[in-house]
């Protein structure tokens, strides 16, 4: 129920803000607005306020603002000056661009509000880098604290606020094919040194889990200590208990929970898992334990599992910003997300990125519910991401989207005359088919993720 509520709140806020942008600029340009609707299809509720009918309709996957327009019906002579089609090219363009612009402005404010409230994030103390990853090859080790980052070609050092902040900077740099320098210390602050991550060599095209794995910083540092042990599972049968610290597995030192989880998972990769020899510390006593993980399938892969919580809670830090800093970060994050979204759309269009990146309402609903459960700051951050996506999507030059109308006006500005009604109708039908295809693909991706096919 919370997921469903969060989903409808998300859609409601983003749609209202988008359409409100169109509405306010239309009114400012002297256009008569006949109807403001949230949703499509049969009307569930409506109310006439002044000259505008306000309505909520049955299908909440969008909305519209209907303006006085000679192309949609007869207009009284005394109201011709208030018809949308009679406005100047600049005014019509402003009305169209106002919707996406409102979403981008909302994203700035949401990012800022999230940073003002503050979020609990893992500190930038890293876990074991993934095997064969860029971080491992650069010599990064579990327990190191990443303090600052800088582009490899400059001395513009920036403090790392958290592991989340570090991952964001690494992802941006990988997609931009830029190398980064990191300043790291031991967990206590000693042994300061610089490490260069050659992110440009990754040739990254998608901001996905595989990119995170190739970079290598997949998890924060966590002590290799067991939490709750499920009765009847492999860990319980072996005699393991909550609070046991794992020192070695098959003679190999265990440096953190990430490396321990990797060894457990790897045990199920080939046939039935073999027994593992663990050396543990239990309240100061060293014990030898034989454990045989169970084999399960996880997203198409065979892995080992011991039915126990592996690792302690990572060190957390409250990340907050002041008023001006929060606004500035809101602008930067919105710009970066917009640029990243545009690059991703472009790469999907030319086949350099997978169409699996398209997400639909099921994924949005899932993330909305998860972020709402984490707290207000996290939910506002999620809203900002979706608001950016909606703003950027609507600016794409596809008929039926705001960007398509802007393309029409660009052609009109260049040629000196509007596109004919015949060609407008043809382009609208083509645009409808493209959007329908995108929506179908996004829904398919949602279902495939839930079924574990992606």
Protein backbone atom coordinates (compact mmCIF):
# COMPACT_ATOMS: atom_id res chain seq x y z
CA UNK A 1 0.00 0.00 0.00
CA UNK A 2 2.87 2.40 0.82
CA UNK A 3 4.45 1.64 -2.55
CA UNK A 4 1.19 2.37 -4.38
CA UNK A 5 0.65 5.59 -2.43
CA UNK A 6 4.23 6.76 -3.05
CA UNK A 7 3.82 5.96 -6.77
CA UNK A 8 0.63 8.03 -7.14
CA UNK A 9 2.12 10.90 -5.12
CA UNK A 10 5.16 10.82 -7.43
CA UNK A 11 3.06 10.89 -10.58
CA UNK A 12 0.72 13.53 -9.16
CA UNK A 13 3.47 15.94 -8.15
CA UNK A 14 5.45 15.62 -11.39
CA UNK A 15 2.41 15.88 -13.67
CA UNK A 16 0.92 18.84 -11.80
CA UNK A 17 4.23 20.74 -11.90
CA UNK A 18 4.73 19.98 -15.61
CA UNK A 19 1.26 21.09 -16.63
CA UNK A 20 1.38 24.06 -14.25
CA UNK A 21 4.41 25.30 -16.18
CA UNK A 22 2.43 25.23 -19.43
CA UNK A 23 -0.58 26.83 -17.70
CA UNK A 24 1.22 29.73 -16.06
CA UNK A 25 3.24 30.75 -19.13
CA UNK A 26 0.16 30.41 -21.35
CA UNK A 27 -1.74 32.77 -19.05
CA UNK A 28 1.25 35.14 -18.96
CA UNK A 29 1.23 35.23 -22.78
CA UNK A 30 -2.48 36.06 -22.84
CA UNK A 31 -3.70 32.61 -23.96
CA UNK A 32 -7.09 31.44 -22.71
CA UNK A 33 -6.80 28.07 -20.96
CA UNK A 34 -9.97 25.99 -21.31
CA UNK A 35 -9.03 22.89 -19.31
CA UNK A 36 -6.32 21.71 -16.92
CA UNK A 37 -6.45 17.92 -16.55
CA UNK A 38 -4.41 15.50 -14.47
CA UNK A 39 -4.69 12.19 -16.29
CA UNK A 40 -6.42 11.10 -19.49
CA UNK A 41 -9.64 9.31 -20.32
CA UNK A 42 -12.95 9.48 -18.43
CA UNK A 43 -13.25 12.41 -16.02
CA UNK A 44 -13.48 11.42 -12.35
CA UNK A 45 -13.75 14.93 -10.93
CA UNK A 46 -14.03 18.41 -12.38
CA UNK A 47 -14.65 21.96 -11.25
CA UNK A 48 -14.98 25.21 -13.14
CA UNK A 49 -12.84 27.99 -11.70
CA UNK A 50 -13.07 31.17 -13.71
CA UNK A 51 -12.66 30.37 -17.39
CA UNK A 52 -10.71 27.13 -16.80
CA UNK A 53 -12.11 23.68 -16.05
CA UNK A 54 -9.95 21.75 -13.58
CA UNK A 55 -10.22 17.96 -13.80
CA UNK A 56 -8.83 14.64 -12.63
CA UNK A 57 -9.16 11.78 -15.11
CA UNK A 58 -9.01 8.00 -14.85
CA UNK A 59 -5.59 7.28 -16.40
CA UNK A 60 -2.93 9.03 -14.27
CA UNK A 61 0.00 8.54 -16.67
CA UNK A 62 0.15 12.15 -17.80
CA UNK A 63 -1.98 15.26 -18.16
CA UNK A 64 -2.77 18.13 -20.50
CA UNK A 65 -3.61 21.81 -20.71
CA UNK A 66 -6.21 22.58 -23.41
CA UNK A 67 -5.94 26.11 -24.78
CA UNK A 68 -8.15 28.16 -27.05
CA UNK A 69 -7.02 27.34 -30.59
CA UNK A 70 -8.62 27.84 -34.00
CA UNK A 71 -7.26 24.48 -35.14
CA UNK A 72 -9.40 22.69 -32.57
CA UNK A 73 -12.68 24.52 -33.04
CA UNK A 74 -14.34 27.82 -33.85
CA UNK A 75 -13.20 30.84 -31.86
CA UNK A 76 -15.38 33.92 -31.26
CA UNK A 77 -14.06 37.03 -33.07
CA UNK A 78 -13.66 38.93 -29.79
CA UNK A 79 -11.37 36.14 -28.43
CA UNK A 80 -9.14 35.60 -31.46
CA UNK A 81 -6.34 37.54 -29.77
CA UNK A 82 -6.40 34.95 -26.95
CA UNK A 83 -6.04 31.90 -29.23
CA UNK A 84 -2.78 29.97 -28.94
CA UNK A 85 -2.28 29.76 -32.70
CA UNK A 86 -2.46 33.57 -33.00
CA UNK A 87 0.47 34.12 -30.63
CA UNK A 88 3.98 34.88 -31.86
CA UNK A 89 6.46 32.11 -32.49
CA UNK A 90 8.44 33.12 -29.41
CA UNK A 91 5.34 33.05 -27.19
CA UNK A 92 4.23 29.63 -28.45
CA UNK A 93 7.73 28.27 -27.90
CA UNK A 94 7.79 29.67 -24.37
CA UNK A 95 4.47 27.98 -23.53
CA UNK A 96 5.71 24.63 -24.84
CA UNK A 97 9.12 24.71 -23.15
CA UNK A 98 7.62 25.81 -19.82
CA UNK A 99 6.47 22.27 -18.92
CA UNK A 100 9.88 20.57 -19.13
CA UNK A 101 11.51 23.66 -17.63
CA UNK A 102 9.18 23.42 -14.63
CA UNK A 103 10.25 19.81 -14.08
CA UNK A 104 13.93 20.78 -14.19
CA UNK A 105 13.40 23.67 -11.76
CA UNK A 106 11.48 21.29 -9.48
CA UNK A 107 14.43 18.86 -9.62
CA UNK A 108 16.81 21.63 -8.49
CA UNK A 109 14.57 22.40 -5.51
CA UNK A 110 14.07 18.72 -4.64
CA UNK A 111 17.80 17.98 -4.74
CA UNK A 112 18.40 21.09 -2.62
CA UNK A 113 15.70 20.15 -0.09
CA UNK A 114 17.11 16.63 0.19
CA UNK A 115 20.59 18.03 0.95
CA UNK A 116 19.17 20.53 3.47
CA UNK A 117 17.39 17.75 5.37
CA UNK A 118 20.41 15.48 5.11
CA UNK A 119 20.80 11.80 4.34
CA UNK A 120 22.59 9.02 6.18
CA UNK A 121 25.12 7.60 3.73
CA UNK A 122 28.01 5.14 4.03
CA UNK A 123 31.30 6.92 4.68
CA UNK A 124 33.87 6.63 1.91
CA UNK A 125 35.70 3.75 3.63
CA UNK A 126 35.82 1.15 0.87
CA UNK A 127 35.30 -2.58 0.94
CA UNK A 128 37.35 -5.08 -1.04
CA UNK A 129 37.42 -4.04 -4.72
CA UNK A 130 35.80 -6.51 -7.11
CA UNK A 131 38.21 -9.08 -8.52
CA UNK A 132 39.85 -7.89 -11.74
CA UNK A 133 38.33 -4.42 -11.41
CA UNK A 134 39.98 -1.08 -12.10
CA UNK A 135 40.12 -0.28 -8.38
CA UNK A 136 41.90 -3.57 -7.61
CA UNK A 137 44.46 -3.01 -10.37
CA UNK A 138 45.08 0.51 -9.02
CA UNK A 139 46.00 -0.98 -5.64
CA UNK A 140 42.99 0.13 -3.58
CA UNK A 141 42.36 -2.07 -0.55
CA UNK A 142 39.59 -2.78 1.92
CA UNK A 143 39.49 -0.34 4.82
CA UNK A 144 41.03 2.59 2.96
CA UNK A 145 39.28 5.93 3.27
CA UNK A 146 38.88 8.00 0.08
CA UNK A 147 39.25 11.60 1.22
CA UNK A 148 39.35 13.70 -1.98
CA UNK A 149 39.10 13.42 -5.76
CA UNK A 150 40.40 15.46 -8.66
CA UNK A 151 40.42 15.23 -12.48
CA UNK A 152 43.70 13.61 -13.49
CA UNK A 153 44.72 16.63 -15.55
CA UNK A 154 44.19 19.28 -12.85
CA UNK A 155 44.68 20.12 -9.17
CA UNK A 156 41.02 20.94 -8.49
CA UNK A 157 40.62 18.72 -5.45
CA UNK A 158 37.14 18.15 -4.03
CA UNK A 159 36.28 16.55 -0.69
CA UNK A 160 34.44 13.21 -0.83
CA UNK A 161 31.33 13.49 1.34
CA UNK A 162 30.38 9.79 1.30
CA UNK A 163 30.68 6.58 -0.68
CA UNK A 164 27.51 7.61 -2.56
CA UNK A 165 29.19 10.86 -3.58
CA UNK A 166 32.33 8.95 -4.65
CA UNK A 167 30.36 6.53 -6.82
CA UNK A 168 28.55 9.46 -8.46
CA UNK A 169 31.83 11.15 -9.36
CA UNK A 170 33.33 7.89 -10.65
CA UNK A 171 30.26 7.16 -12.79
CA UNK A 172 30.28 10.66 -14.30
CA UNK A 173 33.97 10.43 -15.07
CA UNK A 174 33.63 6.95 -16.63
CA UNK A 175 30.80 8.08 -18.91
CA UNK A 176 32.79 11.19 -19.85
CA UNK A 177 35.92 9.04 -20.46
CA UNK A 178 37.94 11.03 -17.88
CA UNK A 179 40.55 9.68 -15.47
CA UNK A 180 40.30 10.59 -11.78
CA UNK A 181 42.86 10.92 -9.02
CA UNK A 182 41.88 9.81 -5.54
CA UNK A 183 43.54 10.74 -2.28
CA UNK A 184 43.24 7.85 0.18
CA UNK A 185 44.36 7.15 3.74
CA UNK A 186 44.08 4.31 6.18
CA UNK A 187 40.87 4.16 8.19
CA UNK A 188 42.56 6.15 10.98
CA UNK A 189 43.85 8.87 8.66
CA UNK A 190 47.46 7.72 8.30
CA UNK A 191 49.37 6.70 5.17
CA UNK A 192 48.04 9.37 2.83
CA UNK A 193 48.70 8.66 -0.88
CA UNK A 194 47.29 9.28 -4.37
CA UNK A 195 45.79 6.71 -6.72
CA UNK A 196 44.89 7.27 -10.38
CA UNK A 197 41.86 5.44 -11.77
CA UNK A 198 42.10 5.16 -15.57
CA UNK A 199 38.34 5.41 -16.10
CA UNK A 200 38.77 6.54 -19.70
CA UNK A 201 39.93 3.05 -20.60
CA UNK A 202 36.61 1.48 -19.55
CA UNK A 203 34.83 2.85 -22.64
CA UNK A 204 31.65 3.03 -20.54
CA UNK A 205 28.33 3.43 -22.34
CA UNK A 206 25.83 2.65 -19.56
CA UNK A 207 25.48 3.71 -15.93
CA UNK A 208 24.54 0.27 -14.66
CA UNK A 209 25.60 -2.37 -12.14
CA UNK A 210 28.16 -3.77 -14.58
CA UNK A 211 29.92 -0.39 -14.76
CA UNK A 212 30.04 -0.25 -10.95
CA UNK A 213 31.58 -3.75 -10.90
CA UNK A 214 34.17 -2.85 -13.55
CA UNK A 215 35.19 0.21 -11.51
CA UNK A 216 35.28 -2.06 -8.48
CA UNK A 217 33.99 -0.03 -5.53
CA UNK A 218 30.85 -2.11 -5.04
CA UNK A 219 30.34 -1.88 -1.26
CA UNK A 220 31.40 0.10 1.83
CA UNK A 221 33.77 -1.42 4.35
CA UNK A 222 32.07 -3.82 6.74
CA UNK A 223 33.64 -6.02 9.41
CA UNK A 224 33.55 -9.78 8.57
CA UNK A 225 31.27 -10.51 11.51
CA UNK A 226 28.12 -12.64 11.32
CA UNK A 227 24.72 -11.22 12.20
CA UNK A 228 21.48 -13.17 12.54
CA UNK A 229 21.86 -16.89 11.74
CA UNK A 230 18.80 -18.58 10.23
CA UNK A 231 17.79 -21.76 12.10
CA UNK A 232 18.32 -24.90 10.05
CA UNK A 233 20.56 -23.21 7.47
CA UNK A 234 24.16 -24.15 6.61
CA UNK A 235 25.61 -21.63 9.09
CA UNK A 236 23.43 -22.89 11.95
CA UNK A 237 24.20 -26.55 11.16
CA UNK A 238 27.92 -25.77 11.24
CA UNK A 239 27.55 -24.24 14.71
CA UNK A 240 28.16 -20.62 13.70
CA UNK A 241 26.63 -17.89 15.87
CA UNK A 242 25.82 -14.22 15.62
CA UNK A 243 28.89 -12.18 16.56
CA UNK A 244 31.43 -14.67 15.17
CA UNK A 245 34.29 -12.89 13.39
CA UNK A 246 35.64 -14.80 10.38
CA UNK A 247 39.43 -14.66 10.20
CA UNK A 248 40.28 -17.12 7.41
CA UNK A 249 38.53 -19.25 4.79
CA UNK A 250 40.51 -22.23 3.46
CA UNK A 251 43.70 -20.62 4.72
CA UNK A 252 43.08 -17.25 3.04
CA UNK A 253 42.80 -14.15 5.24
CA UNK A 254 39.38 -12.47 5.28
CA UNK A 255 39.83 -8.70 5.22
CA UNK A 256 36.19 -7.61 5.25
CA UNK A 257 32.60 -8.74 4.73
CA UNK A 258 32.75 -8.08 0.97
CA UNK A 259 35.55 -10.58 0.43
CA UNK A 260 33.82 -13.11 2.69
CA UNK A 261 30.56 -12.81 0.75
CA UNK A 262 32.47 -13.23 -2.52
CA UNK A 263 34.04 -16.49 -1.30
CA UNK A 264 30.67 -17.82 -0.13
CA UNK A 265 28.99 -16.95 -3.43
CA UNK A 266 31.84 -18.39 -5.50
CA UNK A 267 31.49 -21.76 -3.75
CA UNK A 268 28.30 -22.48 -5.71
CA UNK A 269 29.59 -21.52 -9.14
CA UNK A 270 30.57 -25.09 -10.13
CA UNK A 271 28.38 -27.99 -9.08
CA UNK A 272 27.57 -28.67 -5.43
CA UNK A 273 29.53 -26.38 -3.07
CA UNK A 274 32.54 -27.94 -1.37
CA UNK A 275 32.98 -27.69 2.37
CA UNK A 276 34.99 -24.67 3.52
CA UNK A 277 37.35 -24.51 6.49
CA UNK A 278 36.68 -21.36 8.49
CA UNK A 279 38.76 -19.98 11.32
CA UNK A 280 36.67 -17.70 13.50
CA UNK A 281 37.08 -15.60 16.61
CA UNK A 282 34.30 -16.05 19.16
CA UNK A 283 34.64 -13.82 22.20
CA UNK A 284 38.42 -14.05 22.07
CA UNK A 285 38.60 -17.79 21.36
CA UNK A 286 39.88 -19.09 18.03
CA UNK A 287 37.74 -21.90 16.59
CA UNK A 288 37.92 -24.03 13.43
CA UNK A 289 34.58 -24.57 11.71
CA UNK A 290 33.70 -26.73 8.70
CA UNK A 291 30.77 -25.32 6.71
CA UNK A 292 29.17 -26.44 3.47
CA UNK A 293 27.22 -23.59 1.77
CA UNK A 294 23.98 -24.41 0.00
CA UNK A 295 23.64 -23.80 -3.77
CA UNK A 296 20.92 -21.49 -5.08
CA UNK A 297 20.12 -19.64 -8.30
CA UNK A 298 20.25 -15.86 -8.21
CA UNK A 299 19.35 -13.96 -11.39
CA UNK A 300 20.44 -16.81 -13.60
CA UNK A 301 23.68 -17.53 -11.71
CA UNK A 302 24.48 -20.39 -9.36
CA UNK A 303 25.89 -19.12 -6.07
CA UNK A 304 26.66 -20.38 -2.59
CA UNK A 305 24.72 -19.23 0.45
CA UNK A 306 24.99 -19.88 4.22
CA UNK A 307 21.65 -18.43 5.43
CA UNK A 308 23.20 -15.85 7.76
CA UNK A 309 23.73 -12.10 7.73
CA UNK A 310 27.35 -11.49 6.69
CA UNK A 311 28.91 -8.21 7.80
CA UNK A 312 28.29 -5.43 10.27
CA UNK A 313 26.52 -2.20 9.47
CA UNK A 314 28.96 0.11 7.64
CA UNK A 315 30.09 3.37 9.18
CA UNK A 316 27.54 6.03 8.29
CA UNK A 317 27.79 9.80 8.01
CA UNK A 318 25.03 12.43 7.89
CA UNK A 319 25.53 14.48 4.73
CA UNK A 320 23.90 17.92 4.94
CA UNK A 321 24.50 21.21 3.14
CA UNK A 322 23.71 24.83 3.88
CA UNK A 323 21.12 26.85 1.98
CA UNK A 324 23.37 28.25 -0.75
CA UNK A 325 25.45 25.06 -1.04
CA UNK A 326 22.28 22.98 -1.31
CA UNK A 327 20.88 25.14 -4.10
CA UNK A 328 24.18 25.02 -5.96
CA UNK A 329 24.32 21.25 -5.64
CA UNK A 330 20.71 21.08 -6.85
CA UNK A 331 21.69 22.97 -10.00
CA UNK A 332 24.82 20.83 -10.55
CA UNK A 333 23.01 17.54 -9.96
CA UNK A 334 20.14 18.54 -12.26
CA UNK A 335 22.56 19.57 -15.00
CA UNK A 336 24.61 16.40 -14.63
CA UNK A 337 21.54 14.13 -14.61
CA UNK A 338 20.10 15.93 -17.64
CA UNK A 339 23.35 15.56 -19.58
CA UNK A 340 23.68 11.92 -18.55
CA UNK A 341 20.08 11.19 -19.57
CA UNK A 342 20.57 12.84 -22.97
CA UNK A 343 23.77 10.88 -23.57
CA UNK A 344 22.02 7.67 -22.61
CA UNK A 345 19.09 8.36 -24.96
CA UNK A 346 21.54 9.12 -27.75
CA UNK A 347 23.54 5.96 -27.15
CA UNK A 348 20.39 3.84 -27.09
CA UNK A 349 19.32 5.44 -30.37
CA UNK A 350 22.56 4.53 -32.16
CA UNK A 351 22.89 1.13 -30.51
CA UNK A 352 25.81 1.90 -28.18
CA UNK A 353 23.68 1.35 -25.06
CA UNK A 354 21.14 -1.33 -24.29
CA UNK A 355 17.42 -0.59 -24.54
CA UNK A 356 17.15 -2.43 -21.21
CA UNK A 357 17.90 0.94 -19.59
CA UNK A 358 14.35 2.09 -20.32
CA UNK A 359 12.19 1.80 -17.21
CA UNK A 360 8.44 1.97 -16.87
CA UNK A 361 5.77 2.46 -14.19
CA UNK A 362 6.50 -0.78 -12.31
CA UNK A 363 10.13 0.17 -11.70
CA UNK A 364 9.14 3.72 -10.76
CA UNK A 365 6.56 2.39 -8.30
CA UNK A 366 9.10 0.01 -6.77
CA UNK A 367 11.74 2.71 -6.28
CA UNK A 368 9.14 5.18 -5.04
CA UNK A 369 8.10 2.77 -2.29
CA UNK A 370 11.68 1.91 -1.32
CA UNK A 371 12.80 5.54 -1.14
CA UNK A 372 9.71 6.57 0.84
CA UNK A 373 10.48 3.90 3.45
CA UNK A 374 14.04 5.23 3.84
CA UNK A 375 12.83 8.72 4.73
CA UNK A 376 11.75 12.08 3.32
CA UNK A 377 15.21 13.15 2.11
CA UNK A 378 15.64 9.94 0.09
CA UNK A 379 12.15 10.22 -1.40
CA UNK A 380 12.80 13.83 -2.44
CA UNK A 381 16.02 12.72 -4.13
CA UNK A 382 14.11 10.01 -5.99
CA UNK A 383 11.47 12.56 -7.06
CA UNK A 384 14.26 14.79 -8.38
CA UNK A 385 15.68 11.98 -10.53
CA UNK A 386 12.27 11.19 -12.06
CA UNK A 387 11.53 14.89 -12.55
CA UNK A 388 14.78 15.31 -14.51
CA UNK A 389 13.94 12.26 -16.62
CA UNK A 390 10.47 13.62 -17.37
CA UNK A 391 11.82 17.04 -18.30
CA UNK A 392 14.53 15.64 -20.57
CA UNK A 393 12.19 13.08 -22.18
CA UNK A 394 9.69 15.78 -23.07
CA UNK A 395 12.39 17.85 -24.74
CA UNK A 396 13.27 15.07 -27.19
CA UNK A 397 12.33 16.11 -30.76
CA UNK A 398 9.55 13.54 -31.12
CA UNK A 399 6.09 14.48 -32.38
CA UNK A 400 3.48 14.51 -29.58
CA UNK A 401 6.18 15.53 -27.07
CA UNK A 402 7.02 19.14 -26.22
CA UNK A 403 10.32 18.77 -28.03
CA UNK A 404 8.43 17.79 -31.19
CA UNK A 405 6.44 21.02 -31.08
CA UNK A 406 9.64 22.98 -30.55
CA UNK A 407 11.03 21.27 -33.67
CA UNK A 408 7.95 22.39 -35.61
CA UNK A 409 8.51 25.98 -34.45
CA UNK A 410 12.19 25.79 -35.39
CA UNK A 411 11.22 24.75 -38.91
CA UNK A 412 8.63 27.53 -38.99
CA UNK A 413 11.24 30.06 -37.88
CA UNK A 414 13.66 28.93 -40.60
CA UNK A 415 11.16 28.62 -43.48
CA UNK A 416 8.85 31.46 -42.48
CA UNK A 417 5.72 29.30 -42.58
CA UNK A 418 4.23 26.61 -40.30
CA UNK A 419 4.22 22.91 -41.18
CA UNK A 420 1.07 21.99 -43.10
CA UNK A 421 -1.84 20.30 -41.30
CA UNK A 422 -1.33 17.19 -43.46
CA UNK A 423 2.30 16.77 -42.45
CA UNK A 424 1.51 17.63 -38.83
CA UNK A 425 -1.07 14.82 -38.74
CA UNK A 426 1.38 12.36 -40.32
CA UNK A 427 4.14 13.28 -37.90
CA UNK A 428 1.76 13.03 -34.94
CA UNK A 429 0.76 9.50 -35.95
CA UNK A 430 4.41 8.53 -36.36
CA UNK A 431 5.29 10.07 -33.02
CA UNK A 432 2.43 8.23 -31.35
CA UNK A 433 3.74 4.91 -32.66
CA UNK A 434 7.28 5.67 -31.44
CA UNK A 435 6.02 6.63 -27.97
CA UNK A 436 3.79 3.56 -27.83
CA UNK A 437 6.79 1.40 -28.74
CA UNK A 438 8.92 3.05 -26.05
CA UNK A 439 6.20 2.56 -23.43
CA UNK A 440 5.76 -1.09 -24.42
CA UNK A 441 9.51 -1.69 -24.24
CA UNK A 442 9.73 0.02 -20.85
CA UNK A 443 6.90 -2.13 -19.51
CA UNK A 444 8.55 -5.26 -20.92
CA UNK A 445 11.80 -4.30 -19.18
CA UNK A 446 9.90 -3.85 -15.91
CA UNK A 447 8.33 -7.29 -16.13
CA UNK A 448 11.63 -8.88 -17.20
CA UNK A 449 13.39 -7.39 -14.16
CA UNK A 450 10.75 -8.79 -11.82
CA UNK A 451 11.03 -12.21 -13.44
CA UNK A 452 14.83 -12.09 -13.23
CA UNK A 453 15.30 -12.13 -17.03
CA UNK A 454 17.46 -8.97 -17.02
